[in-house]
């Protein structure tokens, strides 16, 4: 993602320039975080507010309900002027590659070069239910190579690769687009792929400091082995950021309920990645309250149920987050950068909820 100037002026009603906060190129946030319960119409206000606060990148995570990625990225690009907009993530196999390549080029030019196309592997169980084959590492690498060739104006004839067989893939011979590609990565093979073929690697929430450091090493080493400058591959920590200025029930929903939802969906992978105790995960799964909730805990559980679930999750598992006072949250953001992350996503909070934390961070910015 290209850098922007450190500060920028905005016009007041009197016509004079007034300063706005420094541009935090190292910080991002998610638009319509979580289930997007406010609906897609909330995106425009959140995007404008995030830019006003100086946040560098707004991420969009696609869900197949009212969070279709191409629509949301168009809206976000249209209402902002300097903040970067990135998908993290959409899936490469739910659109024809020409549709995705055209969409990305449209967003790139619409935004003046502020768009990043980020893809991810997705959840195999959901794909299976929809009758879509699971995504492989080889497919994502093939997809990245095809996109870069299309954006260079190439005509690809008789492509026969992991993403499929296509007689012709072609967009425009005049294209010379430099569109960043992002990858949401979890396991070592995907992290290595990010290092050798992508520009941004977005990690998962609730990674311990040790896991974060290991992931950064994996990405940077893979980039170096591929003959790339490791410094050009940005690794994003995804840090749950939930300050004490929020009501307690909301904090529990954004921390306990969110982590519990991850444990529902891919608990084995998260536990194995962080070297946590699998017996604790099994105790969580066997709990009758957990089993009674029909859907994602962060979306379906009541406040009473979430309080019960909080007793099932060790404090150690909730520790990899920015919690406490605004000053403590700001320090945790700086810690992530010290652990080796190039950038940090302040996850699980709207721009308005992040305001006091950003004020504290600004005073002691690295």
Protein backbone atom coordinates (compact mmCIF):
# COMPACT_ATOMS: atom_id res chain seq x y z
CA UNK A 1 0.00 0.00 0.00
CA UNK A 2 1.54 3.34 -0.96
CA UNK A 3 2.32 5.76 1.82
CA UNK A 4 0.46 9.05 2.20
CA UNK A 5 1.64 12.38 3.62
CA UNK A 6 1.96 12.51 7.42
CA UNK A 7 -0.60 15.29 7.76
CA UNK A 8 -3.26 16.81 5.60
CA UNK A 9 -5.42 19.93 5.86
CA UNK A 10 -9.18 20.15 5.71
CA UNK A 11 -11.30 23.16 4.86
CA UNK A 12 -13.44 24.68 7.60
CA UNK A 13 -16.67 26.57 7.04
CA UNK A 14 -14.72 29.82 7.12
CA UNK A 15 -12.54 28.57 4.27
CA UNK A 16 -9.31 28.30 6.25
CA UNK A 17 -7.20 25.19 6.58
CA UNK A 18 -7.24 23.34 9.89
CA UNK A 19 -5.02 20.39 10.77
CA UNK A 20 -6.38 16.89 11.09
CA UNK A 21 -4.66 14.04 12.97
CA UNK A 22 -1.48 12.51 11.65
CA UNK A 23 -1.96 9.78 9.07
CA UNK A 24 -1.39 6.50 10.92
CA UNK A 25 -0.20 4.41 7.98
CA UNK A 26 0.67 1.62 10.44
CA UNK A 27 -2.90 1.28 11.79
CA UNK A 28 -6.05 -0.16 10.30
CA UNK A 29 -9.56 -1.20 11.30
CA UNK A 30 -12.48 -3.21 9.96
CA UNK A 31 -15.54 -1.61 8.45
CA UNK A 32 -18.80 -3.23 9.61
CA UNK A 33 -16.84 -5.31 12.09
CA UNK A 34 -18.28 -8.61 13.23
CA UNK A 35 -21.64 -9.43 11.76
CA UNK A 36 -22.23 -5.87 10.58
CA UNK A 37 -25.44 -5.81 12.57
CA UNK A 38 -26.00 -2.12 11.82
CA UNK A 39 -26.34 -2.99 8.15
CA UNK A 40 -24.25 -1.94 5.16
CA UNK A 41 -25.53 1.65 5.27
CA UNK A 42 -23.30 2.23 8.32
CA UNK A 43 -20.20 1.75 6.19
CA UNK A 44 -20.10 5.28 4.77
CA UNK A 45 -20.12 6.96 8.17
CA UNK A 46 -17.53 4.54 9.59
CA UNK A 47 -15.23 5.06 6.61
CA UNK A 48 -15.44 8.84 6.82
CA UNK A 49 -14.87 8.76 10.58
CA UNK A 50 -11.90 6.41 10.27
CA UNK A 51 -10.28 8.72 7.75
CA UNK A 52 -11.02 11.74 9.92
CA UNK A 53 -9.22 10.07 12.83
CA UNK A 54 -6.21 9.35 10.63
CA UNK A 55 -6.49 5.57 10.39
CA UNK A 56 -4.42 4.33 7.47
CA UNK A 57 -6.41 1.38 6.13
CA UNK A 58 -10.01 0.21 6.28
CA UNK A 59 -10.49 -3.53 5.82
CA UNK A 60 -13.61 -5.27 4.58
CA UNK A 61 -14.35 -8.89 5.43
CA UNK A 62 -16.87 -10.48 3.11
CA UNK A 63 -19.89 -12.36 4.38
CA UNK A 64 -22.51 -13.85 2.12
CA UNK A 65 -25.46 -11.89 3.43
CA UNK A 66 -25.27 -8.09 3.19
CA UNK A 67 -21.47 -7.78 3.16
CA UNK A 68 -20.69 -8.44 -0.49
CA UNK A 69 -17.16 -7.19 -0.98
CA UNK A 70 -17.25 -5.45 -4.35
CA UNK A 71 -20.25 -3.31 -3.38
CA UNK A 72 -18.75 -2.32 -0.04
CA UNK A 73 -15.32 -1.48 -1.44
CA UNK A 74 -16.89 0.77 -4.05
CA UNK A 75 -18.79 2.65 -1.37
CA UNK A 76 -15.72 2.94 0.88
CA UNK A 77 -13.52 4.23 -1.94
CA UNK A 78 -16.15 6.76 -2.96
CA UNK A 79 -16.51 8.41 0.46
CA UNK A 80 -12.78 8.58 1.31
CA UNK A 81 -9.85 10.37 -0.25
CA UNK A 82 -6.62 9.22 1.44
CA UNK A 83 -7.36 6.10 3.51
CA UNK A 84 -6.53 2.77 1.88
CA UNK A 85 -9.32 0.23 1.34
CA UNK A 86 -8.56 -3.49 1.43
CA UNK A 87 -10.52 -6.71 1.34
CA UNK A 88 -9.45 -9.10 4.09
CA UNK A 89 -10.83 -11.16 2.84
CA UNK A 90 -12.79 -12.26 -0.15
CA UNK A 91 -12.33 -15.65 -1.81
CA UNK A 92 -10.81 -16.10 -5.24
CA UNK A 93 -13.07 -19.02 -6.22
CA UNK A 94 -16.45 -17.31 -5.88
CA UNK A 95 -15.99 -15.09 -8.95
CA UNK A 96 -14.54 -15.65 -12.40
CA UNK A 97 -10.92 -14.38 -12.42
CA UNK A 98 -11.76 -11.80 -15.10
CA UNK A 99 -14.54 -10.41 -12.93
CA UNK A 100 -12.20 -10.15 -9.95
CA UNK A 101 -9.41 -8.64 -12.03
CA UNK A 102 -11.75 -6.06 -13.53
CA UNK A 103 -13.26 -5.22 -10.14
CA UNK A 104 -9.81 -4.70 -8.61
CA UNK A 105 -8.70 -2.47 -11.48
CA UNK A 106 -11.90 -0.45 -11.22
CA UNK A 107 -11.36 0.06 -7.47
CA UNK A 108 -7.68 0.86 -8.02
CA UNK A 109 -8.48 3.65 -10.47
CA UNK A 110 -11.58 4.86 -8.67
CA UNK A 111 -9.57 5.33 -5.48
CA UNK A 112 -6.44 6.76 -7.05
CA UNK A 113 -4.35 3.71 -6.13
CA UNK A 114 -5.73 3.14 -2.62
CA UNK A 115 -7.15 -0.36 -3.10
CA UNK A 116 -5.69 -3.72 -2.05
CA UNK A 117 -7.25 -7.00 -3.18
CA UNK A 118 -6.97 -9.37 -0.22
CA UNK A 119 -8.01 -13.01 -0.45
CA UNK A 120 -8.22 -15.87 2.04
CA UNK A 121 -8.66 -19.61 2.21
CA UNK A 122 -12.10 -19.55 3.84
CA UNK A 123 -13.70 -22.27 5.96
CA UNK A 124 -13.84 -25.70 4.32
CA UNK A 125 -17.05 -26.75 6.09
CA UNK A 126 -18.93 -23.77 4.63
CA UNK A 127 -17.59 -24.46 1.14
CA UNK A 128 -18.63 -28.09 1.44
CA UNK A 129 -22.14 -27.09 2.42
CA UNK A 130 -22.41 -24.81 -0.61
CA UNK A 131 -20.98 -27.40 -2.97
CA UNK A 132 -17.77 -25.41 -3.61
CA UNK A 133 -14.40 -27.22 -3.51
CA UNK A 134 -12.07 -26.17 -0.69
CA UNK A 135 -9.38 -23.62 -1.53
CA UNK A 136 -5.79 -24.87 -1.79
CA UNK A 137 -2.49 -23.06 -1.35
CA UNK A 138 -1.61 -23.84 -4.95
CA UNK A 139 -4.82 -22.19 -6.15
CA UNK A 140 -4.12 -18.97 -4.26
CA UNK A 141 -0.58 -18.80 -5.66
CA UNK A 142 -1.83 -19.45 -9.18
CA UNK A 143 -4.51 -16.81 -8.75
CA UNK A 144 -1.98 -14.20 -7.63
CA UNK A 145 0.21 -14.91 -10.65
CA UNK A 146 -2.75 -14.66 -13.03
CA UNK A 147 -3.89 -11.35 -11.54
CA UNK A 148 -0.44 -9.80 -11.88
CA UNK A 149 -0.21 -10.90 -15.52
CA UNK A 150 -3.66 -9.50 -16.33
CA UNK A 151 -2.78 -6.21 -14.65
CA UNK A 152 0.36 -6.04 -16.82
CA UNK A 153 -1.85 -6.17 -19.90
CA UNK A 154 -1.05 -9.76 -20.87
CA UNK A 155 -3.35 -12.08 -22.75
CA UNK A 156 -3.25 -15.52 -21.13
CA UNK A 157 -4.11 -18.28 -23.59
CA UNK A 158 -5.03 -21.84 -22.60
CA UNK A 159 -4.35 -21.41 -18.93
CA UNK A 160 -4.32 -24.81 -17.25
CA UNK A 161 -3.51 -24.40 -13.59
CA UNK A 162 -4.80 -24.94 -10.07
CA UNK A 163 -7.49 -22.26 -10.45
CA UNK A 164 -8.89 -23.99 -13.53
CA UNK A 165 -8.75 -24.21 -17.30
CA UNK A 166 -9.47 -21.05 -19.30
CA UNK A 167 -9.13 -20.70 -23.08
CA UNK A 168 -8.48 -16.94 -22.82
CA UNK A 169 -7.97 -14.57 -19.91
CA UNK A 170 -7.54 -10.94 -20.93
CA UNK A 171 -8.50 -7.48 -19.68
CA UNK A 172 -6.69 -4.67 -21.55
CA UNK A 173 -3.36 -4.52 -23.33
CA UNK A 174 -2.79 -0.97 -22.04
CA UNK A 175 -2.92 -2.05 -18.39
CA UNK A 176 0.20 -1.42 -16.34
CA UNK A 177 -1.48 -1.60 -12.94
CA UNK A 178 0.43 -1.92 -9.68
CA UNK A 179 -2.35 -3.28 -7.44
CA UNK A 180 -1.27 -4.72 -4.08
CA UNK A 181 -2.37 -8.24 -3.23
CA UNK A 182 -3.12 -9.25 0.34
CA UNK A 183 -3.44 -12.68 1.91
CA UNK A 184 -5.15 -13.65 5.16
CA UNK A 185 -2.85 -16.30 6.58
CA UNK A 186 -2.97 -18.75 9.47
CA UNK A 187 -0.87 -21.86 8.98
CA UNK A 188 2.78 -22.07 7.91
CA UNK A 189 2.13 -22.94 4.25
CA UNK A 190 -0.13 -19.94 3.77
CA UNK A 191 2.32 -17.68 5.60
CA UNK A 192 5.12 -18.85 3.30
CA UNK A 193 2.90 -18.19 0.29
CA UNK A 194 2.28 -14.68 1.54
CA UNK A 195 5.99 -14.06 1.80
CA UNK A 196 6.83 -15.20 -1.71
CA UNK A 197 3.83 -13.95 -3.70
CA UNK A 198 1.80 -11.27 -1.85
CA UNK A 199 2.31 -7.70 -0.66
CA UNK A 200 0.34 -7.77 2.59
CA UNK A 201 -0.12 -10.69 4.99
CA UNK A 202 -2.97 -10.33 7.49
CA UNK A 203 -2.78 -12.52 10.58
CA UNK A 204 -5.61 -13.75 12.78
CA UNK A 205 -6.90 -12.26 16.01
CA UNK A 206 -5.76 -13.69 19.38
CA UNK A 207 -2.30 -14.72 18.25
CA UNK A 208 0.07 -14.76 21.20
CA UNK A 209 3.27 -12.67 21.01
CA UNK A 210 5.25 -15.85 20.38
CA UNK A 211 2.92 -16.83 17.54
CA UNK A 212 3.12 -13.34 16.04
CA UNK A 213 6.91 -13.39 16.10
CA UNK A 214 7.00 -16.85 14.52
CA UNK A 215 4.58 -15.79 11.78
CA UNK A 216 6.62 -12.69 10.96
CA UNK A 217 9.79 -14.79 10.70
CA UNK A 218 8.03 -17.29 8.43
CA UNK A 219 6.75 -14.59 6.07
CA UNK A 220 10.00 -12.65 5.89
CA UNK A 221 12.13 -15.78 5.41
CA UNK A 222 9.88 -16.99 2.59
CA UNK A 223 10.12 -13.58 0.91
CA UNK A 224 13.91 -13.68 1.09
CA UNK A 225 14.06 -17.21 -0.30
CA UNK A 226 11.90 -16.06 -3.21
CA UNK A 227 14.39 -13.29 -3.99
CA UNK A 228 12.18 -10.52 -2.66
CA UNK A 229 13.04 -7.74 -0.24
CA UNK A 230 11.40 -8.90 3.04
CA UNK A 231 10.77 -5.28 3.96
CA UNK A 232 8.34 -4.92 1.04
CA UNK A 233 6.00 -7.57 2.48
CA UNK A 234 3.89 -6.02 5.23
CA UNK A 235 2.71 -8.29 8.05
CA UNK A 236 -0.42 -7.07 9.81
CA UNK A 237 -1.16 -8.08 13.39
CA UNK A 238 -4.90 -8.32 13.99
CA UNK A 239 -5.25 -7.07 17.57
CA UNK A 240 -8.59 -7.15 19.37
CA UNK A 241 -8.85 -3.61 20.75
CA UNK A 242 -11.52 -3.16 23.42
CA UNK A 243 -10.98 -0.40 25.96
CA UNK A 244 -12.50 0.00 29.40
CA UNK A 245 -14.42 3.06 28.22
CA UNK A 246 -16.92 0.66 26.64
CA UNK A 247 -19.74 -0.93 28.72
CA UNK A 248 -18.84 -4.25 30.30
CA UNK A 249 -21.46 -6.28 28.41
CA UNK A 250 -20.15 -4.92 25.11
CA UNK A 251 -16.56 -5.67 26.13
CA UNK A 252 -17.49 -9.27 26.90
CA UNK A 253 -19.19 -9.60 23.52
CA UNK A 254 -16.14 -8.20 21.71
CA UNK A 255 -13.64 -10.37 23.61
CA UNK A 256 -15.11 -13.51 25.19
CA UNK A 257 -17.90 -14.03 22.67
CA UNK A 258 -15.67 -13.27 19.69
CA UNK A 259 -12.93 -15.68 20.79
CA UNK A 260 -15.58 -18.28 21.59
CA UNK A 261 -16.91 -17.96 18.04
CA UNK A 262 -13.43 -18.61 16.66
CA UNK A 263 -13.23 -21.69 18.89
CA UNK A 264 -16.54 -22.86 17.45
CA UNK A 265 -15.38 -22.48 13.86
CA UNK A 266 -11.73 -23.55 13.88
CA UNK A 267 -10.74 -24.08 17.48
CA UNK A 268 -8.31 -26.92 16.76
CA UNK A 269 -6.27 -24.75 14.40
CA UNK A 270 -6.18 -21.76 16.76
CA UNK A 271 -5.26 -23.91 19.77
CA UNK A 272 -2.55 -25.72 17.83
CA UNK A 273 -1.15 -22.47 16.42
CA UNK A 274 -0.87 -20.86 19.87
CA UNK A 275 0.26 -24.07 21.61
CA UNK A 276 -2.72 -23.91 23.96
CA UNK A 277 -4.12 -26.86 25.92
CA UNK A 278 -6.53 -28.87 23.70
CA UNK A 279 -8.24 -30.25 26.81
CA UNK A 280 -9.55 -26.75 27.54
CA UNK A 281 -11.01 -26.59 24.05
CA UNK A 282 -12.72 -29.94 24.50
CA UNK A 283 -14.18 -28.79 27.85
CA UNK A 284 -15.51 -25.70 26.06
CA UNK A 285 -17.08 -27.80 23.31
CA UNK A 286 -18.67 -30.23 25.76
CA UNK A 287 -20.35 -27.47 27.75
CA UNK A 288 -24.15 -27.69 27.42
CA UNK A 289 -24.56 -23.91 27.20
CA UNK A 290 -22.12 -23.74 24.29
CA UNK A 291 -23.85 -26.65 22.58
CA UNK A 292 -27.26 -24.98 22.97
CA UNK A 293 -26.33 -21.88 20.98
CA UNK A 294 -27.42 -22.28 17.38
CA UNK A 295 -24.90 -20.16 15.54
CA UNK A 296 -21.98 -17.89 16.23
CA UNK A 297 -21.72 -17.08 19.93
CA UNK A 298 -20.83 -13.44 19.27
CA UNK A 299 -24.06 -13.06 17.30
CA UNK A 300 -26.51 -15.43 19.00
CA UNK A 301 -25.58 -15.74 22.69
CA UNK A 302 -27.33 -13.76 25.41
CA UNK A 303 -25.42 -11.68 27.94
CA UNK A 304 -26.01 -14.37 30.58
CA UNK A 305 -24.70 -17.08 28.28
CA UNK A 306 -21.60 -15.01 27.47
CA UNK A 307 -20.91 -14.53 31.19
CA UNK A 308 -21.05 -18.30 31.62
CA UNK A 309 -18.75 -18.88 28.64
CA UNK A 310 -16.25 -16.41 30.12
CA UNK A 311 -15.67 -18.96 32.91
CA UNK A 312 -14.70 -21.59 30.31
CA UNK A 313 -11.97 -19.57 28.60
CA UNK A 314 -8.65 -19.07 30.45
CA UNK A 315 -7.39 -15.53 30.96
CA UNK A 316 -4.24 -16.61 29.12
CA UNK A 317 -6.27 -17.15 25.96
CA UNK A 318 -7.85 -13.68 26.18
CA UNK A 319 -4.56 -11.94 26.98
CA UNK A 320 -3.41 -11.35 23.34
CA UNK A 321 -5.63 -8.26 23.05
CA UNK A 322 -5.56 -4.54 23.76
CA UNK A 323 -7.75 -4.08 26.84
CA UNK A 324 -7.85 -1.84 29.90
CA UNK A 325 -7.43 1.92 29.90
CA UNK A 326 -6.80 3.88 26.72
CA UNK A 327 -3.15 4.21 27.72
CA UNK A 328 -2.85 0.45 28.24
CA UNK A 329 -4.48 -0.23 24.87
CA UNK A 330 -2.11 2.19 23.16
CA UNK A 331 0.85 0.45 24.76
CA UNK A 332 -0.37 -2.94 23.52
CA UNK A 333 -0.50 -1.54 19.99
CA UNK A 334 3.11 -0.42 20.34
CA UNK A 335 3.98 -3.87 21.74
CA UNK A 336 2.70 -5.53 18.57
CA UNK A 337 5.01 -3.36 16.49
CA UNK A 338 7.88 -4.21 18.83
CA UNK A 339 7.13 -7.93 18.38
CA UNK A 340 7.77 -7.49 14.67
CA UNK A 341 4.45 -6.60 13.06
CA UNK A 342 4.75 -4.00 10.32
CA UNK A 343 1.16 -2.81 10.80
CA UNK A 344 -1.64 -3.37 13.32
CA UNK A 345 -5.37 -3.78 12.72
CA UNK A 346 -7.39 -2.48 15.68
CA UNK A 347 -9.94 -5.24 15.49
CA UNK A 348 -13.47 -5.41 16.83
CA UNK A 349 -14.07 -1.68 17.31
CA UNK A 350 -15.63 1.12 15.32
CA UNK A 351 -13.70 4.36 14.73
CA UNK A 352 -15.74 6.14 17.39
CA UNK A 353 -14.92 3.39 19.89
CA UNK A 354 -11.23 3.78 19.04
CA UNK A 355 -11.10 7.56 19.51
CA UNK A 356 -9.70 7.73 23.09
CA UNK A 357 -7.20 4.97 22.31
CA UNK A 358 -5.93 6.82 19.25
CA UNK A 359 -5.58 9.98 21.33
CA UNK A 360 -3.32 8.09 23.73
CA UNK A 361 -1.40 6.39 20.93
CA UNK A 362 -0.77 9.72 19.21
CA UNK A 363 1.02 11.06 22.29
CA UNK A 364 3.59 8.23 22.27
CA UNK A 365 3.66 7.06 18.69
CA UNK A 366 6.70 4.92 17.78
